PDB file of N, CA and C in Angstrom:
ATOM      1  N   LEU A   1     -10.402 108.485 -61.217  1.00  0.00           N
ATOM      2  CA  LEU A   1     -11.218 108.155 -60.054  1.00  0.00           C
ATOM      3  C   LEU A   1     -10.315 107.694 -58.918  1.00  0.00           C
ATOM      4  N   HIS A   2      -9.935 108.604 -58.079  1.00  0.00           N
ATOM      5  CA  HIS A   2      -9.073 108.259 -56.947  1.00  0.00           C
ATOM      6  C   HIS A   2      -9.747 108.693 -55.657  1.00  0.00           C
ATOM      7  N   GLY A   3      -9.484 107.971 -54.595  1.00  0.00           N
ATOM      8  CA  GLY A   3      -9.993 108.366 -53.288  1.00  0.00           C
ATOM      9  C   GLY A   3     -11.499 108.362 -53.230  1.00  0.00           C
ATOM     10  N   VAL A   4     -12.076 109.475 -52.817  1.00  0.00           N
ATOM     11  CA  VAL A   4     -13.520 109.550 -52.620  1.00  0.00           C
ATOM     12  C   VAL A   4     -14.274 109.427 -53.942  1.00  0.00           C
ATOM     13  N   GLY A   5     -13.660 109.784 -55.065  1.00  0.00           N
ATOM     14  CA  GLY A   5     -14.335 109.676 -56.356  1.00  0.00           C
ATOM     15  C   GLY A   5     -14.763 108.256 -56.662  1.00  0.00           C
ATOM     16  N   VAL A   6     -13.834 107.313 -56.579  1.00  0.00           N
ATOM     17  CA  VAL A   6     -14.170 105.918 -56.871  1.00  0.00           C
ATOM     18  C   VAL A   6     -15.070 105.342 -55.781  1.00  0.00           C
ATOM     19  N   SER A   7     -14.936 105.799 -54.549  1.00  0.00           N
ATOM     20  CA  SER A   7     -15.824 105.328 -53.477  1.00  0.00           C
ATOM     21  C   SER A   7     -17.271 105.714 -53.761  1.00  0.00           C
ATOM     22  N   CYS A   8     -17.481 106.925 -54.231  1.00  0.00           N
ATOM     23  CA  CYS A   8     -18.839 107.379 -54.566  1.00  0.00           C
ATOM     24  C   CYS A   8     -19.394 106.625 -55.761  1.00  0.00           C
ATOM     25  N   VAL A   9     -18.589 106.472 -56.794  1.00  0.00           N
ATOM     26  CA  VAL A   9     -19.041 105.732 -57.973  1.00  0.00           C
ATOM     27  C   VAL A   9     -19.378 104.302 -57.582  1.00  0.00           C
ATOM     28  N   ASN A  10     -18.544 103.674 -56.763  1.00  0.00           N
ATOM     29  CA  ASN A  10     -18.796 102.306 -56.320  1.00  0.00           C
ATOM     30  C   ASN A  10     -20.122 102.216 -55.570  1.00  0.00           C
ATOM     31  N   ALA A  11     -20.382 103.154 -54.681  1.00  0.00           N
ATOM     32  CA  ALA A  11     -21.604 103.135 -53.875  1.00  0.00           C
ATOM     33  C   ALA A  11     -22.862 103.315 -54.728  1.00  0.00           C
ATOM     34  N   LEU A  12     -22.727 103.976 -55.867  1.00  0.00           N
ATOM     35  CA  LEU A  12     -23.875 104.262 -56.729  1.00  0.00           C
ATOM     36  C   LEU A  12     -23.978 103.324 -57.918  1.00  0.00           C
ATOM     37  N   SER A  13     -23.170 102.257 -57.913  1.00  0.00           N
ATOM     38  CA  SER A  13     -23.110 101.340 -59.044  1.00  0.00           C
ATOM     39  C   SER A  13     -23.785 100.015 -58.750  1.00  0.00           C
ATOM     40  N   ALA A  14     -24.406  99.441 -59.766  1.00  0.00           N
ATOM     41  CA  ALA A  14     -24.897  98.068 -59.659  1.00  0.00           C
ATOM     42  C   ALA A  14     -23.691  97.135 -59.539  1.00  0.00           C
ATOM     43  N   TRP A  15     -22.646  97.445 -60.327  1.00  0.00           N
ATOM     44  CA  TRP A  15     -21.374  96.733 -60.229  1.00  0.00           C
ATOM     45  C   TRP A  15     -20.255  97.644 -60.693  1.00  0.00           C
ATOM     46  N   LEU A  16     -19.058  97.371 -60.219  1.00  0.00           N
ATOM     47  CA  LEU A  16     -17.871  98.126 -60.605  1.00  0.00           C
ATOM     48  C   LEU A  16     -16.711  97.146 -60.676  1.00  0.00           C
ATOM     49  N   GLU A  17     -15.911  97.266 -61.724  1.00  0.00           N
ATOM     50  CA  GLU A  17     -14.783  96.358 -61.916  1.00  0.00           C
ATOM     51  C   GLU A  17     -13.525  97.181 -62.165  1.00  0.00           C
ATOM     52  N   VAL A  18     -12.463  96.858 -61.436  1.00  0.00           N
ATOM     53  CA  VAL A  18     -11.183  97.550 -61.572  1.00  0.00           C
ATOM     54  C   VAL A  18     -10.164  96.561 -62.110  1.00  0.00           C
ATOM     55  N   THR A  19      -9.475  96.950 -63.186  1.00  0.00           N
ATOM     56  CA  THR A  19      -8.404  96.142 -63.758  1.00  0.00           C
ATOM     57  C   THR A  19      -7.122  96.960 -63.684  1.00  0.00           C
ATOM     58  N   VAL A  20      -6.069  96.360 -63.121  1.00  0.00           N
ATOM     59  CA  VAL A  20      -4.797  97.046 -62.929  1.00  0.00           C
ATOM     60  C   VAL A  20      -3.695  96.280 -63.652  1.00  0.00           C
ATOM     61  N   ASP A  21      -2.956  96.989 -64.510  1.00  0.00           N
ATOM     62  CA  ASP A  21      -1.778  96.441 -65.176  1.00  0.00           C
ATOM     63  C   ASP A  21      -0.551  97.050 -64.512  1.00  0.00           C
ATOM     64  N   GLN A  22       0.263  96.190 -63.885  1.00  0.00           N
ATOM     65  CA  GLN A  22       1.442  96.674 -63.159  1.00  0.00           C
ATOM     66  C   GLN A  22       2.414  95.530 -62.949  1.00  0.00           C
ATOM     67  N   GLY A  23       3.689  95.811 -63.044  1.00  0.00           N
ATOM     68  CA  GLY A  23       4.708  94.813 -62.755  1.00  0.00           C
ATOM     69  C   GLY A  23       4.636  93.579 -63.635  1.00  0.00           C
ATOM     70  N   GLY A  24       4.183  93.744 -64.866  1.00  0.00           N
ATOM     71  CA  GLY A  24       4.105  92.614 -65.789  1.00  0.00           C
ATOM     72  C   GLY A  24       2.884  91.729 -65.607  1.00  0.00           C
ATOM     73  N   GLN A  25       1.975  92.122 -64.722  1.00  0.00           N
ATOM     74  CA  GLN A  25       0.771  91.335 -64.463  1.00  0.00           C
ATOM     75  C   GLN A  25      -0.483  92.189 -64.593  1.00  0.00           C
ATOM     76  N   ARG A  26      -1.587  91.548 -64.915  1.00  0.00           N
ATOM     77  CA  ARG A  26      -2.910  92.174 -64.912  1.00  0.00           C
ATOM     78  C   ARG A  26      -3.697  91.568 -63.754  1.00  0.00           C
ATOM     79  N   HIS A  27      -4.313  92.442 -62.960  1.00  0.00           N
ATOM     80  CA  HIS A  27      -5.121  92.024 -61.821  1.00  0.00           C
ATOM     81  C   HIS A  27      -6.512  92.624 -61.953  1.00  0.00           C
ATOM     82  N   ARG A  28      -7.499  91.954 -61.361  1.00  0.00           N
ATOM     83  CA  ARG A  28      -8.872  92.447 -61.425  1.00  0.00           C
ATOM     84  C   ARG A  28      -9.538  92.288 -60.057  1.00  0.00           C
ATOM     85  N   MET A  29     -10.413  93.237 -59.744  1.00  0.00           N
ATOM     86  CA  MET A  29     -11.226  93.199 -58.527  1.00  0.00           C
ATOM     87  C   MET A  29     -12.617  93.678 -58.907  1.00  0.00           C
ATOM     88  N   ARG A  30     -13.643  93.057 -58.325  1.00  0.00           N
ATOM     89  CA  ARG A  30     -15.027  93.378 -58.693  1.00  0.00           C
ATOM     90  C   ARG A  30     -15.836  93.692 -57.441  1.00  0.00           C
ATOM     91  N   PHE A  31     -16.733  94.660 -57.579  1.00  0.00           N
ATOM     92  CA  PHE A  31     -17.639  95.071 -56.506  1.00  0.00           C
ATOM     93  C   PHE A  31     -19.072  95.002 -57.025  1.00  0.00           C
ATOM     94  N   VAL A  32     -20.003  94.634 -56.167  1.00  0.00           N
ATOM     95  CA  VAL A  32     -21.425  94.610 -56.512  1.00  0.00           C
ATOM     96  C   VAL A  32     -22.172  95.412 -55.449  1.00  0.00           C
ATOM     97  N   ARG A  33     -22.878  96.438 -55.911  1.00  0.00           N
ATOM     98  CA  ARG A  33     -23.633  97.343 -55.023  1.00  0.00           C
ATOM     99  C   ARG A  33     -22.790  97.810 -53.830  1.00  0.00           C
ATOM    100  N   GLY A  34     -21.553  98.218 -54.146  1.00  0.00           N
ATOM    101  CA  GLY A  34     -20.685  98.828 -53.145  1.00  0.00           C
ATOM    102  C   GLY A  34     -19.871  97.882 -52.297  1.00  0.00           C
ATOM    103  N   LYS A  35     -20.095  96.587 -52.427  1.00  0.00           N
ATOM    104  CA  LYS A  35     -19.363  95.620 -51.598  1.00  0.00           C
ATOM    105  C   LYS A  35     -18.488  94.736 -52.477  1.00  0.00           C
ATOM    106  N   ARG A  36     -17.310  94.407 -51.947  1.00  0.00           N
ATOM    107  CA  ARG A  36     -16.387  93.571 -52.710  1.00  0.00           C
ATOM    108  C   ARG A  36     -17.023  92.222 -53.010  1.00  0.00           C
ATOM    109  N   ASP A  37     -17.023  91.868 -54.272  1.00  0.00           N
ATOM    110  CA  ASP A  37     -17.576  90.598 -54.732  1.00  0.00           C
ATOM    111  C   ASP A  37     -16.454  89.618 -55.071  1.00  0.00           C
ATOM    112  N   GLN A  38     -15.274  90.174 -55.367  1.00  0.00           N
ATOM    113  CA  GLN A  38     -14.138  89.353 -55.761  1.00  0.00           C
ATOM    114  C   GLN A  38     -12.869  90.029 -55.254  1.00  0.00           C
ATOM    115  N   GLU A  39     -11.988  89.254 -54.648  1.00  0.00           N
ATOM    116  CA  GLU A  39     -10.693  89.758 -54.207  1.00  0.00           C
ATOM    117  C   GLU A  39      -9.873  90.187 -55.422  1.00  0.00           C
ATOM    118  N   LEU A  40      -8.813  90.926 -55.185  1.00  0.00           N
ATOM    119  CA  LEU A  40      -7.876  91.258 -56.241  1.00  0.00           C
ATOM    120  C   LEU A  40      -7.172  89.974 -56.661  1.00  0.00           C
ATOM    121  N   VAL A  41      -7.370  89.597 -57.919  1.00  0.00           N
ATOM    122  CA  VAL A  41      -6.798  88.337 -58.407  1.00  0.00           C
ATOM    123  C   VAL A  41      -5.980  88.590 -59.667  1.00  0.00           C
ATOM    124  N   PRO A  42      -4.852  87.889 -59.810  1.00  0.00           N
ATOM    125  CA  PRO A  42      -4.096  87.996 -61.059  1.00  0.00           C
ATOM    126  C   PRO A  42      -4.852  87.262 -62.161  1.00  0.00           C
ATOM    127  N   ILE A  43      -4.920  87.885 -63.346  1.00  0.00           N
ATOM    128  CA  ILE A  43      -5.651  87.245 -64.446  1.00  0.00           C
ATOM    129  C   ILE A  43      -4.758  87.008 -65.659  1.00  0.00           C
ATOM    130  N   GLY A  44      -3.475  87.346 -65.539  1.00  0.00           N
ATOM    131  CA  GLY A  44      -2.563  87.059 -66.636  1.00  0.00           C
ATOM    132  C   GLY A  44      -1.460  88.076 -66.768  1.00  0.00           C
ATOM    133  N   PRO A  45      -0.557  87.821 -67.685  1.00  0.00           N
ATOM    134  CA  PRO A  45       0.556  88.746 -67.902  1.00  0.00           C
ATOM    135  C   PRO A  45       0.095  89.997 -68.644  1.00  0.00           C
ATOM    136  N   SER A  46       0.875  91.069 -68.505  1.00  0.00           N
ATOM    137  CA  SER A  46       0.576  92.305 -69.210  1.00  0.00           C
ATOM    138  C   SER A  46       1.866  93.095 -69.421  1.00  0.00           C
ATOM    139  N   ALA A  47       2.007  93.637 -70.603  1.00  0.00           N
ATOM    140  CA  ALA A  47       3.149  94.494 -70.913  1.00  0.00           C
ATOM    141  C   ALA A  47       2.799  95.965 -70.684  1.00  0.00           C
ATOM    142  N   ARG A  48       1.579  96.224 -70.239  1.00  0.00           N
ATOM    143  CA  ARG A  48       1.092  97.592 -70.054  1.00  0.00           C
ATOM    144  C   ARG A  48       1.164  98.007 -68.597  1.00  0.00           C
ATOM    145  N   THR A  49       0.924  99.290 -68.358  1.00  0.00           N
ATOM    146  CA  THR A  49       0.705  99.790 -67.008  1.00  0.00           C
ATOM    147  C   THR A  49      -0.535 100.667 -67.049  1.00  0.00           C
ATOM    148  N   GLY A  50      -1.251 100.706 -65.956  1.00  0.00           N
ATOM    149  CA  GLY A  50      -2.426 101.567 -65.871  1.00  0.00           C
ATOM    150  C   GLY A  50      -3.585 100.896 -65.171  1.00  0.00           C
ATOM    151  N   THR A  51      -4.627 101.669 -64.983  1.00  0.00           N
ATOM    152  CA  THR A  51      -5.821 101.206 -64.278  1.00  0.00           C
ATOM    153  C   THR A  51      -7.051 101.531 -65.109  1.00  0.00           C
ATOM    154  N   GLN A  52      -7.960 100.568 -65.198  1.00  0.00           N
ATOM    155  CA  GLN A  52      -9.230 100.764 -65.896  1.00  0.00           C
ATOM    156  C   GLN A  52     -10.360 100.518 -64.911  1.00  0.00           C
ATOM    157  N   VAL A  53     -11.322 101.439 -64.873  1.00  0.00           N
ATOM    158  CA  VAL A  53     -12.500 101.291 -64.020  1.00  0.00           C
ATOM    159  C   VAL A  53     -13.717 101.251 -64.928  1.00  0.00           C
ATOM    160  N   VAL A  54     -14.510 100.185 -64.814  1.00  0.00           N
ATOM    161  CA  VAL A  54     -15.728 100.029 -65.606  1.00  0.00           C
ATOM    162  C   VAL A  54     -16.870  99.830 -64.611  1.00  0.00           C
ATOM    163  N   TRP A  55     -17.999 100.486 -64.840  1.00  0.00           N
ATOM    164  CA  TRP A  55     -19.101 100.399 -63.896  1.00  0.00           C
ATOM    165  C   TRP A  55     -20.434 100.554 -64.605  1.00  0.00           C
ATOM    166  N   LYS A  56     -21.484 100.149 -63.880  1.00  0.00           N
ATOM    167  CA  LYS A  56     -22.850 100.311 -64.381  1.00  0.00           C
ATOM    168  C   LYS A  56     -23.663 101.010 -63.307  1.00  0.00           C
ATOM    169  N   ALA A  57     -24.284 102.122 -63.672  1.00  0.00           N
ATOM    170  CA  ALA A  57     -25.111 102.864 -62.720  1.00  0.00           C
ATOM    171  C   ALA A  57     -26.249 101.979 -62.201  1.00  0.00           C
ATOM    172  N   ASP A  58     -26.555 102.105 -60.932  1.00  0.00           N
ATOM    173  CA  ASP A  58     -27.580 101.283 -60.299  1.00  0.00           C
ATOM    174  C   ASP A  58     -28.972 101.851 -60.580  1.00  0.00           C
ATOM    175  N   HIS A  59     -29.790 101.095 -61.309  1.00  0.00           N
ATOM    176  CA  HIS A  59     -31.141 101.560 -61.644  1.00  0.00           C
ATOM    177  C   HIS A  59     -32.060 101.633 -60.429  1.00  0.00           C
ATOM    178  N   GLU A  60     -31.664 101.031 -59.319  1.00  0.00           N
ATOM    179  CA  GLU A  60     -32.453 101.143 -58.086  1.00  0.00           C
ATOM    180  C   GLU A  60     -32.222 102.495 -57.399  1.00  0.00           C
ATOM    181  N   ILE A  61     -31.145 103.194 -57.765  1.00  0.00           N
ATOM    182  CA  ILE A  61     -30.832 104.502 -57.188  1.00  0.00           C
ATOM    183  C   ILE A  61     -31.226 105.624 -58.145  1.00  0.00           C
ATOM    184  N   PHE A  62     -30.907 105.449 -59.438  1.00  0.00           N
ATOM    185  CA  PHE A  62     -31.154 106.487 -60.432  1.00  0.00           C
ATOM    186  C   PHE A  62     -32.435 106.208 -61.219  1.00  0.00           C
ATOM    187  N   SER A  63     -33.208 107.260 -61.482  1.00  0.00           N
ATOM    188  CA  SER A  63     -34.437 107.092 -62.256  1.00  0.00           C
ATOM    189  C   SER A  63     -34.129 106.848 -63.734  1.00  0.00           C
ATOM    190  N   THR A  64     -32.998 107.347 -64.199  1.00  0.00           N
ATOM    191  CA  THR A  64     -32.548 107.061 -65.559  1.00  0.00           C
ATOM    192  C   THR A  64     -31.052 106.764 -65.512  1.00  0.00           C
ATOM    193  N   THR A  65     -30.643 105.777 -66.277  1.00  0.00           N
ATOM    194  CA  THR A  65     -29.225 105.415 -66.295  1.00  0.00           C
ATOM    195  C   THR A  65     -28.635 105.581 -67.691  1.00  0.00           C
ATOM    196  N   GLU A  66     -29.325 106.343 -68.538  1.00  0.00           N
ATOM    197  CA  GLU A  66     -28.811 106.620 -69.868  1.00  0.00           C
ATOM    198  C   GLU A  66     -27.763 107.727 -69.770  1.00  0.00           C
ATOM    199  N   ILE A  67     -26.650 107.536 -70.482  1.00  0.00           N
ATOM    200  CA  ILE A  67     -25.559 108.497 -70.450  1.00  0.00           C
ATOM    201  C   ILE A  67     -25.645 109.394 -71.677  1.00  0.00           C
ATOM    202  N   ASP A  68     -25.583 110.711 -71.458  1.00  0.00           N
ATOM    203  CA  ASP A  68     -25.535 111.664 -72.549  1.00  0.00           C
ATOM    204  C   ASP A  68     -24.056 111.885 -72.882  1.00  0.00           C
ATOM    205  N   TYR A  69     -23.577 111.225 -73.913  1.00  0.00           N
ATOM    206  CA  TYR A  69     -22.154 111.243 -74.247  1.00  0.00           C
ATOM    207  C   TYR A  69     -21.672 112.632 -74.654  1.00  0.00           C
ATOM    208  N   GLU A  70     -22.550 113.464 -75.160  1.00  0.00           N
ATOM    209  CA  GLU A  70     -22.158 114.846 -75.511  1.00  0.00           C
ATOM    210  C   GLU A  70     -21.794 115.620 -74.248  1.00  0.00           C
ATOM    211  N   ILE A  71     -22.580 115.474 -73.195  1.00  0.00           N
ATOM    212  CA  ILE A  71     -22.284 116.145 -71.927  1.00  0.00           C
ATOM    213  C   ILE A  71     -20.977 115.611 -71.341  1.00  0.00           C
ATOM    214  N   VAL A  72     -20.774 114.308 -71.382  1.00  0.00           N
ATOM    215  CA  VAL A  72     -19.557 113.696 -70.830  1.00  0.00           C
ATOM    216  C   VAL A  72     -18.325 114.188 -71.590  1.00  0.00           C
ATOM    217  N   SER A  73     -18.427 114.315 -72.904  1.00  0.00           N
ATOM    218  CA  SER A  73     -17.269 114.735 -73.703  1.00  0.00           C
ATOM    219  C   SER A  73     -16.876 116.174 -73.440  1.00  0.00           C
ATOM    220  N   LYS A  74     -17.828 117.007 -73.001  1.00  0.00           N
ATOM    221  CA  LYS A  74     -17.521 118.415 -72.707  1.00  0.00           C
ATOM    222  C   LYS A  74     -16.852 118.512 -71.369  1.00  0.00           C
TER     223      LYS A  74
END
């Protein structure tokens, strides 16, 4: 999810949380209904590198928020 991809997911989410492991630190930033709810904050050390994006579809936008994991896996 880079560029417009994460922007669209953020806009359609009840909440979205990004965790980044880089430079020996883990940082987190949180958004609620498309707006920043929490600044990027360090949350501890990390020996890893990478980015994790976790989100919840907004039930006020979507009529169903159930995920069909078979479709996603394909």
